[in-house]
C-alpha cells in the first residue's frame, strides 16, 4: 500500500493483542482494506451535508 505497517486487533476477543487481523494486501479482504483507507482519506477532507451546508473545497461528506 504505502510502506506503512498496519495493525488491527479485536481487543474484546484478544485483549493481549497477540493476533494481527489486518488482511494481506493481495487477497479480497486486502482490497476491502484498501477501499476503507481510501474512504477514510476522502472523509478527512470533507465537511457538511449536501442541501444543508455551503459547499467547501473538500466537498460534502457522505
PDB file of N, CA and C in Angstrom:
ATOM      1  N   UNK A   1       0.827  -1.186   0.000  1.00  0.00           N
ATOM      2  CA  UNK A   1       0.000   0.000   0.000  1.00  0.00           C
ATOM      3  C   UNK A   1       0.872   1.250   0.000  1.00  0.00           C
ATOM      4  N   UNK A   2       1.378   1.656   1.167  1.00  0.00           N
ATOM      5  CA  UNK A   2       2.158   2.886   1.202  1.00  0.00           C
ATOM      6  C   UNK A   2       3.425   2.743   2.036  1.00  0.00           C
ATOM      7  N   UNK A   3       3.862   1.520   2.300  1.00  0.00           N
ATOM      8  CA  UNK A   3       5.071   1.287   3.071  1.00  0.00           C
ATOM      9  C   UNK A   3       4.871   1.292   4.574  1.00  0.00           C
ATOM     10  N   UNK A   4       3.698   1.679   5.035  1.00  0.00           N
ATOM     11  CA  UNK A   4       3.410   1.671   6.465  1.00  0.00           C
ATOM     12  C   UNK A   4       2.974   0.278   6.895  1.00  0.00           C
ATOM     13  N   UNK A   5       3.141  -0.027   8.155  1.00  0.00           N
ATOM     14  CA  UNK A   5       2.677  -1.295   8.707  1.00  0.00           C
ATOM     15  C   UNK A   5       1.369  -1.028   9.431  1.00  0.00           C
ATOM     16  N   UNK A   6       0.321  -1.708   8.993  1.00  0.00           N
ATOM     17  CA  UNK A   6      -0.992  -1.528   9.597  1.00  0.00           C
ATOM     18  C   UNK A   6      -1.279  -2.674  10.547  1.00  0.00           C
ATOM     19  N   UNK A   7      -1.973  -2.360  11.624  1.00  0.00           N
ATOM     20  CA  UNK A   7      -2.348  -3.369  12.604  1.00  0.00           C
ATOM     21  C   UNK A   7      -3.816  -3.207  12.940  1.00  0.00           C
ATOM     22  N   UNK A   8      -4.470  -4.331  13.174  1.00  0.00           N
ATOM     23  CA  UNK A   8      -5.875  -4.322  13.572  1.00  0.00           C
ATOM     24  C   UNK A   8      -6.065  -5.460  14.561  1.00  0.00           C
ATOM     25  N   UNK A   9      -6.536  -5.132  15.740  1.00  0.00           N
ATOM     26  CA  UNK A   9      -6.734  -6.132  16.781  1.00  0.00           C
ATOM     27  C   UNK A   9      -8.161  -6.067  17.293  1.00  0.00           C
ATOM     28  N   UNK A  10      -8.690  -7.215  17.657  1.00  0.00           N
ATOM     29  CA  UNK A  10     -10.006  -7.309  18.290  1.00  0.00           C
ATOM     30  C   UNK A  10      -9.759  -7.474  19.785  1.00  0.00           C
ATOM     31  N   UNK A  11      -9.787  -6.365  20.499  1.00  0.00           N
ATOM     32  CA  UNK A  11      -9.439  -6.394  21.920  1.00  0.00           C
ATOM     33  C   UNK A  11     -10.472  -7.113  22.774  1.00  0.00           C
ATOM     34  N   UNK A  12     -11.694  -7.266  22.269  1.00  0.00           N
ATOM     35  CA  UNK A  12     -12.712  -7.990  23.034  1.00  0.00           C
ATOM     36  C   UNK A  12     -12.382  -9.479  23.103  1.00  0.00           C
ATOM     37  N   UNK A  13     -11.880 -10.037  22.007  1.00  0.00           N
ATOM     38  CA  UNK A  13     -11.569 -11.470  21.998  1.00  0.00           C
ATOM     39  C   UNK A  13     -10.085 -11.754  22.183  1.00  0.00           C
ATOM     40  N   UNK A  14      -9.234 -10.757  22.006  1.00  0.00           N
ATOM     41  CA  UNK A  14      -7.787 -10.925  22.131  1.00  0.00           C
ATOM     42  C   UNK A  14      -7.215  -9.733  22.906  1.00  0.00           C
ATOM     43  N   UNK A  15      -7.489  -9.653  24.219  1.00  0.00           N
ATOM     44  CA  UNK A  15      -7.105  -8.464  24.989  1.00  0.00           C
ATOM     45  C   UNK A  15      -5.593  -8.228  25.068  1.00  0.00           C
ATOM     46  N   UNK A  16      -4.788  -9.243  24.801  1.00  0.00           N
ATOM     47  CA  UNK A  16      -3.335  -9.072  24.866  1.00  0.00           C
ATOM     48  C   UNK A  16      -2.718  -8.794  23.493  1.00  0.00           C
ATOM     49  N   UNK A  17      -3.550  -8.575  22.492  1.00  0.00           N
ATOM     50  CA  UNK A  17      -3.133  -8.199  21.135  1.00  0.00           C
ATOM     51  C   UNK A  17      -2.070  -9.144  20.580  1.00  0.00           C
ATOM     52  N   UNK A  18      -2.394 -10.426  20.525  1.00  0.00           N
ATOM     53  CA  UNK A  18      -1.437 -11.400  20.022  1.00  0.00           C
ATOM     54  C   UNK A  18      -1.598 -11.680  18.537  1.00  0.00           C
ATOM     55  N   UNK A  19      -2.786 -11.465  17.982  1.00  0.00           N
ATOM     56  CA  UNK A  19      -3.041 -11.800  16.581  1.00  0.00           C
ATOM     57  C   UNK A  19      -3.460 -10.565  15.792  1.00  0.00           C
ATOM     58  N   UNK A  20      -2.626 -10.152  14.856  1.00  0.00           N
ATOM     59  CA  UNK A  20      -2.935  -9.023  13.990  1.00  0.00           C
ATOM     60  C   UNK A  20      -3.943  -9.494  12.945  1.00  0.00           C
ATOM     61  N   UNK A  21      -5.107  -8.862  12.877  1.00  0.00           N
ATOM     62  CA  UNK A  21      -6.182  -9.291  11.989  1.00  0.00           C
ATOM     63  C   UNK A  21      -6.176  -8.582  10.643  1.00  0.00           C
ATOM     64  N   UNK A  22      -5.203  -7.728  10.398  1.00  0.00           N
ATOM     65  CA  UNK A  22      -5.179  -6.991   9.136  1.00  0.00           C
ATOM     66  C   UNK A  22      -5.037  -7.972   7.974  1.00  0.00           C
ATOM     67  N   UNK A  23      -5.714  -7.684   6.897  1.00  0.00           N
ATOM     68  CA  UNK A  23      -5.719  -8.580   5.740  1.00  0.00           C
ATOM     69  C   UNK A  23      -4.444  -8.416   4.915  1.00  0.00           C
ATOM     70  N   UNK A  24      -3.939  -9.516   4.323  1.00  0.00           N
ATOM     71  CA  UNK A  24      -2.788  -9.374   3.426  1.00  0.00           C
ATOM     72  C   UNK A  24      -3.179  -8.584   2.181  1.00  0.00           C
ATOM     73  N   UNK A  25      -2.269  -7.803   1.612  1.00  0.00           N
ATOM     74  CA  UNK A  25      -2.628  -6.898   0.521  1.00  0.00           C
ATOM     75  C   UNK A  25      -3.113  -7.566  -0.758  1.00  0.00           C
ATOM     76  N   UNK A  26      -2.779  -8.827  -1.037  1.00  0.00           N
ATOM     77  CA  UNK A  26      -3.136  -9.436  -2.312  1.00  0.00           C
ATOM     78  C   UNK A  26      -4.527 -10.024  -2.395  1.00  0.00           C
ATOM     79  N   UNK A  27      -5.176 -10.302  -1.277  1.00  0.00           N
ATOM     80  CA  UNK A  27      -6.454 -11.004  -1.295  1.00  0.00           C
ATOM     81  C   UNK A  27      -7.650 -10.080  -1.341  1.00  0.00           C
ATOM     82  N   UNK A  28      -8.863 -10.668  -1.368  1.00  0.00           N
ATOM     83  CA  UNK A  28     -10.078  -9.851  -1.430  1.00  0.00           C
ATOM     84  C   UNK A  28     -10.270  -8.981  -0.191  1.00  0.00           C
ATOM     85  N   UNK A  29      -9.884  -9.489   0.969  1.00  0.00           N
ATOM     86  CA  UNK A  29     -10.005  -8.673   2.178  1.00  0.00           C
ATOM     87  C   UNK A  29      -9.005  -7.519   2.139  1.00  0.00           C
ATOM     88  N   UNK A  30      -7.855  -7.737   1.500  1.00  0.00           N
ATOM     89  CA  UNK A  30      -6.875  -6.662   1.341  1.00  0.00           C
ATOM     90  C   UNK A  30      -7.411  -5.549   0.465  1.00  0.00           C
ATOM     91  N   UNK A  31      -8.169  -5.928  -0.577  1.00  0.00           N
ATOM     92  CA  UNK A  31      -8.790  -4.922  -1.447  1.00  0.00           C
ATOM     93  C   UNK A  31      -9.832  -4.122  -0.672  1.00  0.00           C
ATOM     94  N   UNK A  32     -10.578  -4.803   0.190  1.00  0.00           N
ATOM     95  CA  UNK A  32     -11.567  -4.102   1.018  1.00  0.00           C
ATOM     96  C   UNK A  32     -10.867  -3.140   1.973  1.00  0.00           C
ATOM     97  N   UNK A  33      -9.762  -3.586   2.546  1.00  0.00           N
ATOM     98  CA  UNK A  33      -8.995  -2.742   3.459  1.00  0.00           C
ATOM     99  C   UNK A  33      -8.495  -1.490   2.733  1.00  0.00           C
ATOM    100  N   UNK A  34      -8.008  -1.657   1.505  1.00  0.00           N
ATOM    101  CA  UNK A  34      -7.550  -0.520   0.713  1.00  0.00           C
ATOM    102  C   UNK A  34      -8.701   0.444   0.441  1.00  0.00           C
ATOM    103  N   UNK A  35      -9.881  -0.097   0.127  1.00  0.00           N
ATOM    104  CA  UNK A  35     -11.053   0.746  -0.097  1.00  0.00           C
ATOM    105  C   UNK A  35     -11.421   1.547   1.139  1.00  0.00           C
ATOM    106  N   UNK A  36     -11.300   0.928   2.305  1.00  0.00           N
ATOM    107  CA  UNK A  36     -11.596   1.636   3.553  1.00  0.00           C
ATOM    108  C   UNK A  36     -10.588   2.754   3.808  1.00  0.00           C
ATOM    109  N   UNK A  37      -9.321   2.505   3.504  1.00  0.00           N
ATOM    110  CA  UNK A  37      -8.304   3.551   3.673  1.00  0.00           C
ATOM    111  C   UNK A  37      -8.560   4.722   2.734  1.00  0.00           C
ATOM    112  N   UNK A  38      -8.969   4.426   1.499  1.00  0.00           N
ATOM    113  CA  UNK A  38      -9.279   5.495   0.547  1.00  0.00           C
ATOM    114  C   UNK A  38     -10.506   6.285   0.995  1.00  0.00           C
ATOM    115  N   UNK A  39     -11.500   5.590   1.524  1.00  0.00           N
ATOM    116  CA  UNK A  39     -12.699   6.267   2.035  1.00  0.00           C
ATOM    117  C   UNK A  39     -12.331   7.173   3.209  1.00  0.00           C
ATOM    118  N   UNK A  40     -11.465   6.684   4.088  1.00  0.00           N
ATOM    119  CA  UNK A  40     -11.027   7.483   5.227  1.00  0.00           C
ATOM    120  C   UNK A  40     -10.335   8.760   4.762  1.00  0.00           C
ATOM    121  N   UNK A  41      -9.497   8.663   3.733  1.00  0.00           N
ATOM    122  CA  UNK A  41      -8.839   9.859   3.194  1.00  0.00           C
ATOM    123  C   UNK A  41      -9.860  10.871   2.687  1.00  0.00           C
ATOM    124  N   UNK A  42     -10.908  10.389   1.995  1.00  0.00           N
ATOM    125  CA  UNK A  42     -11.949  11.303   1.500  1.00  0.00           C
ATOM    126  C   UNK A  42     -12.702  11.945   2.662  1.00  0.00           C
ATOM    127  N   UNK A  43     -12.999  11.170   3.700  1.00  0.00           N
ATOM    128  CA  UNK A  43     -13.751  11.700   4.836  1.00  0.00           C
ATOM    129  C   UNK A  43     -12.940  12.715   5.639  1.00  0.00           C
ATOM    130  N   UNK A  44     -11.642  12.578   5.638  1.00  0.00           N
ATOM    131  CA  UNK A  44     -10.798  13.551   6.349  1.00  0.00           C
ATOM    132  C   UNK A  44     -10.861  14.929   5.712  1.00  0.00           C
ATOM    133  N   UNK A  45     -11.143  14.983   4.412  1.00  0.00           N
ATOM    134  CA  UNK A  45     -11.123  16.255   3.687  1.00  0.00           C
ATOM    135  C   UNK A  45     -12.506  16.876   3.516  1.00  0.00           C
ATOM    136  N   UNK A  46     -13.566  16.169   3.852  1.00  0.00           N
ATOM    137  CA  UNK A  46     -14.912  16.667   3.574  1.00  0.00           C
ATOM    138  C   UNK A  46     -15.479  17.455   4.757  1.00  0.00           C
ATOM    139  N   UNK A  47     -16.578  18.153   4.484  1.00  0.00           N
ATOM    140  CA  UNK A  47     -17.319  18.806   5.559  1.00  0.00           C
ATOM    141  C   UNK A  47     -18.722  19.109   5.074  1.00  0.00           C
ATOM    142  N   UNK A  48     -19.657  19.058   5.979  1.00  0.00           N
ATOM    143  CA  UNK A  48     -21.025  19.440   5.666  1.00  0.00           C
ATOM    144  C   UNK A  48     -21.858  18.375   4.986  1.00  0.00           C
ATOM    145  N   UNK A  49     -23.122  18.736   4.780  1.00  0.00           N
ATOM    146  CA  UNK A  49     -24.116  17.857   4.168  1.00  0.00           C
ATOM    147  C   UNK A  49     -24.721  18.578   2.979  1.00  0.00           C
ATOM    148  N   UNK A  50     -24.791  17.881   1.840  1.00  0.00           N
ATOM    149  CA  UNK A  50     -25.366  18.471   0.625  1.00  0.00           C
ATOM    150  C   UNK A  50     -26.809  18.882   0.883  1.00  0.00           C
ATOM    151  N   UNK A  51     -27.184  20.063   0.410  1.00  0.00           N
ATOM    152  CA  UNK A  51     -28.539  20.561   0.586  1.00  0.00           C
ATOM    153  C   UNK A  51     -28.761  21.298   1.896  1.00  0.00           C
ATOM    154  N   UNK A  52     -27.792  21.235   2.786  1.00  0.00           N
ATOM    155  CA  UNK A  52     -27.928  21.921   4.062  1.00  0.00           C
ATOM    156  C   UNK A  52     -26.827  22.948   4.272  1.00  0.00           C
ATOM    157  N   UNK A  53     -25.595  22.571   3.944  1.00  0.00           N
ATOM    158  CA  UNK A  53     -24.435  23.416   4.209  1.00  0.00           C
ATOM    159  C   UNK A  53     -23.845  23.947   2.907  1.00  0.00           C
ATOM    160  N   UNK A  54     -23.157  25.099   2.966  1.00  0.00           N
ATOM    161  CA  UNK A  54     -22.484  25.601   1.760  1.00  0.00           C
ATOM    162  C   UNK A  54     -21.344  24.665   1.356  1.00  0.00           C
ATOM    163  N   UNK A  55     -21.104  24.558   0.060  1.00  0.00           N
ATOM    164  CA  UNK A  55     -20.056  23.690  -0.467  1.00  0.00           C
ATOM    165  C   UNK A  55     -18.682  24.242  -0.100  1.00  0.00           C
ATOM    166  N   UNK A  56     -17.794  23.357   0.348  1.00  0.00           N
ATOM    167  CA  UNK A  56     -16.423  23.738   0.693  1.00  0.00           C
ATOM    168  C   UNK A  56     -15.458  23.112  -0.307  1.00  0.00           C
ATOM    169  N   UNK A  57     -14.186  23.462  -0.201  1.00  0.00           N
ATOM    170  CA  UNK A  57     -13.173  22.954  -1.131  1.00  0.00           C
ATOM    171  C   UNK A  57     -13.053  21.435  -1.075  1.00  0.00           C
ATOM    172  N   UNK A  58     -13.254  20.844   0.081  1.00  0.00           N
ATOM    173  CA  UNK A  58     -13.121  19.395   0.227  1.00  0.00           C
ATOM    174  C   UNK A  58     -14.345  18.624  -0.203  1.00  0.00           C
ATOM    175  N   UNK A  59     -15.423  19.298  -0.518  1.00  0.00           N
ATOM    176  CA  UNK A  59     -16.654  18.618  -0.903  1.00  0.00           C
ATOM    177  C   UNK A  59     -17.461  18.186   0.309  1.00  0.00           C
ATOM    178  N   UNK A  60     -18.639  17.674   0.034  1.00  0.00           N
ATOM    179  CA  UNK A  60     -19.522  17.218   1.105  1.00  0.00           C
ATOM    180  C   UNK A  60     -19.126  15.822   1.581  1.00  0.00           C
ATOM    181  N   UNK A  61     -19.495  15.524   2.809  1.00  0.00           N
ATOM    182  CA  UNK A  61     -19.292  14.184   3.344  1.00  0.00           C
ATOM    183  C   UNK A  61     -20.415  13.277   2.853  1.00  0.00           C
ATOM    184  N   UNK A  62     -20.256  12.003   3.106  1.00  0.00           N
ATOM    185  CA  UNK A  62     -21.253  11.019   2.657  1.00  0.00           C
ATOM    186  C   UNK A  62     -22.616  11.309   3.236  1.00  0.00           C
TER     187      UNK A  62
END
